[in-house]
Structures are given as C-alpha cells and as structure tokens.
Amino acid sequence: MLNLVYRDQLFPRTAFRNTWDALVAAEPPRIACRIMVGLLALVRERACEAELADQLELILAAGERPDLDALQTQFAPASSCRRIKPTPERLRMPDSGSLRALCVAYFASVEHKRMEPRSRHVRRSILDKLCGQYGDKPAGRREARRVRQVRVARSDALEAANGIVKVLRAVYRNGMLADLVSKNPARNVEHLRSGTEGLHTWTAAEVQLFEAHHPIGTNARLALALLLYPASGDQMWCGLVRSICATVG
C-alpha cells in the first residue's frame, strides 16, 4: 500500500486515513500494511464501516494503535456491529483539560502531521509513556518545576530527558494556539548538559608540534594553513579535496 497512487481512495472514511498515518508512524511498513489491509477487509466482510470507523477514532484518541486480532473478534459475524461498545477504561475519551487531551490535540495538529514518520513515532512513544503516568492530570496546572521533575527522572539518559522537554514544549505550544492552555511550563525548562567541555582548542605550542610533524607541501600542512588563514579562499579548498581524492582513489 505504501506506493499505491490511489491509496487514499481505498479509505472509506477519514478515521481509516488517520489510522493509516498512525500505523506508518509506529510500525514497520510491512506490519502497517498488513493491519490496514485487514481493517479494510473487515469493513467489506462484516459491513460495519461506520461502527469500525467510530471504534478507530476512539482508539486513536486514547493514544493507542488498533489491534487487528481484537477487532476481528469484536466484530465477529455472530454479533451486530451496532451493539459493539468500546472497553470503557482503555478506549474512553480523554478528560477535557487533561494532559492526554492536550496530546490528542497535538497528534491532530498540522505541525505533528508534517513531521517525518520516524519523528512522529519517537514523539508519540514519548507522549504515550508520559500519558501512562500523568495523562489524567490537569495540563493547565502543570508548572515548570513539575516538568523539571519529569526530566530529572530520566536524567540517567541525557537524550531521553532532553527529548521529553522538547516534546512537551511542542505539545503546550500547540495547546496555547488552540486555547486549551494559557501557558507553556516547558518553555523555560533548560536542557541537561553533558558536563563535558566540548572540543579542545589547540594552543600555539600544539600548532607548532603539528607543523613540525607535517612539513610544507603535505596535504595536512595545507589543510592547517587553510583553517588558520580562511582568507586563502574556497578555491584552494576545492584543489585540496581533488588532490586528496586523487591520492586515495
């Protein structure tokens, strides 16, 4: 399905299109295609397009992905589609004003939908974990110190901790644009630093040692001169690159 030109025409309702986007963002292409084909086959075989669409909307709103086996059982031929009801706890709509509701609004935003599938998958994974712990708490009452506490809880993994702050900034920024919250508590939360001093800057003595080891006429000496005296021009850089390529090639 990934490369079908007419793929969008296969989806009978918007809920199916949104489900496909969620699957592609969260699953490998082969699995996403298998689940989507199974859902479309379910619509054809069980004649429950509207009911299945409603169910998919509830699943996506809860931050979940559809379980094909469970849906096939739920929409079994012996039961009426119109009598199917979602599991109250797992598929209930998020409470208004909760962090989960804020995340659902973010998932539906243009900013989130324009991201690359891999980026959407990473952000959804982060937010799914946060909603598992704090999803039902009021989003408007969350303060910067609470965001810092969440960040510190993952301080053992620097990138993960900073990723949480980055994603929460985007979620609250979207919430402010949608008038769901009045402030962004993550905006002024600092990213954790690695504690290193960065790359070492050479001293004059170290430059002299390099020059002593690489005499004039070598590519290494030429590269050093171009770095120390950038006014030499880009053309010399191009000549150096061609020279190195010819030597290596």
Protein backbone atom coordinates (compact mmCIF):
# COMPACT_ATOMS: atom_id res chain seq x y z
CA MET A 1 0.00 0.00 0.00
CA LEU A 2 2.91 2.35 0.58
CA ASN A 3 3.49 3.09 -3.11
CA LEU A 4 -0.10 2.98 -4.38
CA VAL A 5 -1.01 6.16 -6.23
CA TYR A 6 -4.70 5.66 -5.43
CA ARG A 7 -4.14 4.60 -1.81
CA ASP A 8 -6.21 7.43 -0.31
CA GLN A 9 -9.19 6.33 -2.40
CA LEU A 10 -9.19 2.99 -0.56
CA PHE A 11 -10.09 4.64 2.74
CA PRO A 12 -13.88 4.91 3.12
CA ARG A 13 -13.70 7.46 5.94
CA THR A 14 -11.24 9.91 7.49
CA ALA A 15 -10.77 7.63 10.51
CA PHE A 16 -9.19 5.00 8.27
CA ARG A 17 -6.79 7.55 6.78
CA ASN A 18 -5.79 8.73 10.27
CA THR A 19 -5.32 5.11 11.33
CA TRP A 20 -3.00 4.52 8.38
CA ASP A 21 -0.90 7.58 9.33
CA ALA A 22 -0.63 6.33 12.93
CA LEU A 23 0.36 2.84 11.80
CA VAL A 24 3.03 4.07 9.40
CA ALA A 25 4.48 6.27 12.15
CA ALA A 26 4.56 3.49 14.75
CA GLU A 27 5.11 0.22 12.90
CA PRO A 28 7.41 -1.19 10.21
CA PRO A 29 5.88 -0.74 6.73
CA ARG A 30 5.13 -4.46 6.28
CA ILE A 31 3.19 -4.68 9.56
CA ALA A 32 1.39 -1.37 8.95
CA CYS A 33 0.23 -2.63 5.53
CA ARG A 34 -0.91 -5.97 6.95
CA ILE A 35 -3.02 -4.32 9.67
CA MET A 36 -4.53 -1.79 7.27
CA VAL A 37 -5.45 -4.42 4.69
CA GLY A 38 -7.04 -6.46 7.49
CA LEU A 39 -9.13 -3.47 8.61
CA LEU A 40 -10.34 -2.80 5.06
CA ALA A 41 -11.18 -6.49 4.65
CA LEU A 42 -13.12 -6.33 7.91
CA VAL A 43 -15.23 -3.47 6.53
CA ARG A 44 -16.00 -5.47 3.38
CA GLU A 45 -16.72 -8.79 5.08
CA ARG A 46 -18.67 -7.55 8.12
CA ALA A 47 -20.38 -4.48 6.58
CA CYS A 48 -19.59 -2.32 9.59
CA GLU A 49 -17.84 0.68 8.08
CA ALA A 50 -19.39 3.36 10.33
CA GLU A 51 -19.08 1.34 13.53
CA LEU A 52 -15.46 0.37 12.85
CA ALA A 53 -14.63 3.99 11.99
CA ASP A 54 -16.07 5.13 15.34
CA GLN A 55 -14.02 2.47 17.11
CA LEU A 56 -10.82 3.52 15.35
CA GLU A 57 -11.40 7.17 16.32
CA LEU A 58 -11.70 6.15 19.97
CA ILE A 59 -8.53 4.05 19.74
CA LEU A 60 -6.52 6.91 18.22
CA ALA A 61 -7.93 9.43 20.69
CA ALA A 62 -6.71 7.21 23.53
CA GLY A 63 -3.20 7.26 22.04
CA GLU A 64 -3.39 3.58 21.07
CA ARG A 65 -2.89 1.65 17.83
CA PRO A 66 -5.52 -0.79 16.53
CA ASP A 67 -5.18 -4.45 17.45
CA LEU A 68 -6.36 -6.30 14.33
CA ASP A 69 -6.99 -9.62 16.11
CA ALA A 70 -9.03 -7.94 18.83
CA LEU A 71 -11.12 -6.00 16.29
CA GLN A 72 -11.77 -9.11 14.22
CA THR A 73 -13.04 -10.83 17.35
CA GLN A 74 -15.06 -7.80 18.39
CA PHE A 75 -16.73 -7.52 15.00
CA ALA A 76 -17.41 -11.24 14.69
CA PRO A 77 -20.21 -12.24 12.25
CA ALA A 78 -22.41 -13.52 15.05
CA SER A 79 -22.63 -10.10 16.70
CA SER A 80 -24.25 -6.93 15.48
CA CYS A 81 -21.88 -4.09 14.73
CA ARG A 82 -24.30 -1.58 16.19
CA ARG A 83 -24.21 -3.30 19.57
CA ILE A 84 -20.44 -3.12 19.91
CA LYS A 85 -19.22 -0.84 22.69
CA PRO A 86 -15.61 0.09 23.42
CA THR A 87 -13.87 -1.02 26.56
CA PRO A 88 -14.60 1.91 28.91
CA GLU A 89 -11.21 2.21 30.65
CA ARG A 90 -8.86 1.64 27.72
CA LEU A 91 -10.74 3.47 24.99
CA ARG A 92 -12.54 6.20 26.87
CA MET A 93 -12.22 9.74 25.53
CA PRO A 94 -9.63 11.85 27.40
CA ASP A 95 -10.91 14.22 30.06
CA SER A 96 -11.12 17.81 28.91
CA GLY A 97 -8.16 19.81 30.18
CA SER A 98 -6.02 16.76 30.89
CA LEU A 99 -2.51 16.18 29.58
CA ARG A 100 -3.88 13.30 27.49
CA ALA A 101 -6.39 15.65 25.82
CA LEU A 102 -3.56 18.07 25.10
CA CYS A 103 -1.56 15.25 23.48
CA VAL A 104 -4.54 14.15 21.37
CA ALA A 105 -4.89 17.72 20.08
CA TYR A 106 -1.19 17.77 19.28
CA PHE A 107 -1.39 14.49 17.33
CA ALA A 108 -4.09 16.07 15.18
CA SER A 109 -2.11 19.27 14.60
CA VAL A 110 -0.55 20.29 11.29
CA GLU A 111 2.87 20.55 12.94
CA HIS A 112 2.79 16.91 14.00
CA LYS A 113 1.38 15.60 10.72
CA ARG A 114 4.07 17.37 8.68
CA MET A 115 6.88 15.63 10.54
CA GLU A 116 8.73 12.65 9.14
CA PRO A 117 7.19 9.27 10.09
CA ARG A 118 10.19 8.37 12.25
CA SER A 119 9.98 11.67 14.16
CA ARG A 120 6.24 11.21 14.70
CA HIS A 121 6.87 7.71 16.01
CA VAL A 122 9.51 8.93 18.51
CA ARG A 123 7.31 11.74 19.78
CA ARG A 124 4.26 9.51 20.12
CA SER A 125 6.30 6.97 22.08
CA ILE A 126 7.49 9.66 24.49
CA LEU A 127 4.00 11.05 24.98
CA ASP A 128 2.44 7.60 25.35
CA LYS A 129 4.75 6.92 28.29
CA LEU A 130 4.04 10.31 29.84
CA CYS A 131 0.29 9.82 29.49
CA GLY A 132 0.60 6.45 31.17
CA GLN A 133 1.82 8.27 34.28
CA TYR A 134 0.34 11.77 34.08
CA GLY A 135 -2.32 11.58 31.34
CA ASP A 136 -5.31 12.24 33.61
CA LYS A 137 -3.74 15.16 35.47
CA PRO A 138 -4.83 18.73 34.60
CA ALA A 139 -2.49 20.11 31.95
CA GLY A 140 -3.17 23.76 32.82
CA ARG A 141 -1.91 23.34 36.39
CA ARG A 142 1.43 21.86 35.44
CA GLU A 143 4.32 24.16 36.33
CA ALA A 144 7.95 24.33 35.19
CA ARG A 145 9.13 22.58 38.35
CA ARG A 146 6.90 19.61 37.53
CA VAL A 147 8.39 19.41 34.06
CA ARG A 148 11.86 19.51 35.62
CA GLN A 149 10.90 16.63 37.91
CA VAL A 150 9.86 14.55 34.89
CA ARG A 151 13.12 15.47 33.18
CA VAL A 152 15.22 14.58 36.22
CA ALA A 153 13.51 11.17 36.40
CA ARG A 154 15.21 10.36 33.09
CA SER A 155 18.50 12.12 33.84
CA ASP A 156 20.28 8.77 33.53
CA ALA A 157 19.63 9.02 29.77
CA LEU A 158 20.56 12.56 28.66
CA GLU A 159 18.95 12.46 25.20
CA ALA A 160 15.74 10.96 26.57
CA ALA A 161 15.48 13.63 29.28
CA ASN A 162 16.02 16.47 26.81
CA GLY A 163 13.64 14.80 24.36
CA ILE A 164 10.86 14.93 26.95
CA VAL A 165 11.36 18.68 27.42
CA LYS A 166 11.42 19.27 23.67
CA VAL A 167 8.22 17.32 23.04
CA LEU A 168 6.35 18.93 25.95
CA ARG A 169 7.29 22.36 24.62
CA ALA A 170 5.68 21.47 21.29
CA VAL A 171 2.57 19.98 22.94
CA TYR A 172 1.97 23.03 25.12
CA ARG A 173 2.76 25.42 22.29
CA ASN A 174 0.07 23.75 20.20
CA GLY A 175 -2.27 23.81 23.21
CA MET A 176 -1.83 27.57 23.55
CA LEU A 177 -2.59 28.08 19.86
CA ALA A 178 -5.76 26.02 20.30
CA ASP A 179 -6.73 27.92 23.50
CA LEU A 180 -6.53 24.72 25.54
CA VAL A 181 -3.98 26.11 28.00
CA SER A 182 -2.82 29.62 28.85
CA LYS A 183 0.91 28.97 29.40
CA ASN A 184 3.78 26.74 28.35
CA PRO A 185 5.51 25.44 31.51
CA ALA A 186 8.18 23.62 29.47
CA ARG A 187 9.33 26.72 27.60
CA ASN A 188 11.84 27.87 30.24
CA VAL A 189 12.99 24.41 31.35
CA GLU A 190 16.65 24.04 30.49
CA HIS A 191 18.09 21.07 28.63
CA LEU A 192 20.51 18.94 30.62
CA ARG A 193 24.14 19.35 29.65
CA SER A 194 26.58 16.51 29.22
CA GLY A 195 29.13 18.07 31.60
CA THR A 196 31.97 17.94 29.05
CA GLU A 197 33.95 20.97 27.90
CA GLY A 198 33.48 20.22 24.23
CA LEU A 199 36.25 20.01 21.65
CA HIS A 200 39.72 21.06 22.79
CA THR A 201 41.09 24.24 21.21
CA TRP A 202 44.70 23.87 20.12
CA THR A 203 47.31 26.02 21.79
CA ALA A 204 50.12 27.73 19.86
CA ALA A 205 52.51 25.06 21.08
CA GLU A 206 50.29 22.29 19.75
CA VAL A 207 50.07 24.02 16.36
CA GLN A 208 53.87 24.15 16.26
CA LEU A 209 54.09 20.43 17.04
CA PHE A 210 51.68 19.71 14.17
CA GLU A 211 53.71 21.86 11.79
CA ALA A 212 56.91 20.11 12.83
CA HIS A 213 55.37 16.73 12.10
CA HIS A 214 53.76 17.77 8.77
CA PRO A 215 56.24 19.77 6.61
CA ILE A 216 55.25 22.32 3.99
CA GLY A 217 53.99 20.60 0.86
CA THR A 218 51.90 17.94 2.59
CA ASN A 219 48.12 17.94 2.44
CA ALA A 220 47.89 18.03 6.22
CA ARG A 221 50.00 21.21 6.37
CA LEU A 222 47.93 22.79 3.61
CA ALA A 223 44.70 21.96 5.45
CA LEU A 224 46.05 23.54 8.63
CA ALA A 225 47.02 26.71 6.76
CA LEU A 226 43.56 26.99 5.22
CA LEU A 227 41.95 26.61 8.63
CA LEU A 228 44.25 29.14 10.26
CA TYR A 229 44.01 31.61 7.38
CA PRO A 230 40.48 31.25 5.87
CA ALA A 231 41.08 34.28 3.64
CA SER A 232 43.01 31.92 1.37
CA GLY A 233 39.74 31.25 -0.39
CA ASP A 234 37.39 28.40 -1.23
CA GLN A 235 39.21 27.55 -4.48
CA MET A 236 42.19 26.25 -2.54
CA TRP A 237 39.84 24.03 -0.52
CA CYS A 238 38.48 22.58 -3.76
CA GLY A 239 42.01 21.92 -5.01
CA LEU A 240 42.90 20.20 -1.75
CA VAL A 241 39.83 17.97 -1.94
CA ARG A 242 40.64 16.98 -5.55
CA SER A 243 44.22 16.25 -4.57
CA ILE A 244 43.17 14.03 -1.67
CA CYS A 245 40.62 12.21 -3.82
CA ALA A 246 43.24 11.56 -6.49
CA THR A 247 45.64 10.22 -3.90
CA VAL A 248 43.08 7.95 -2.27
CA GLY A 249 41.40 6.90 -5.50
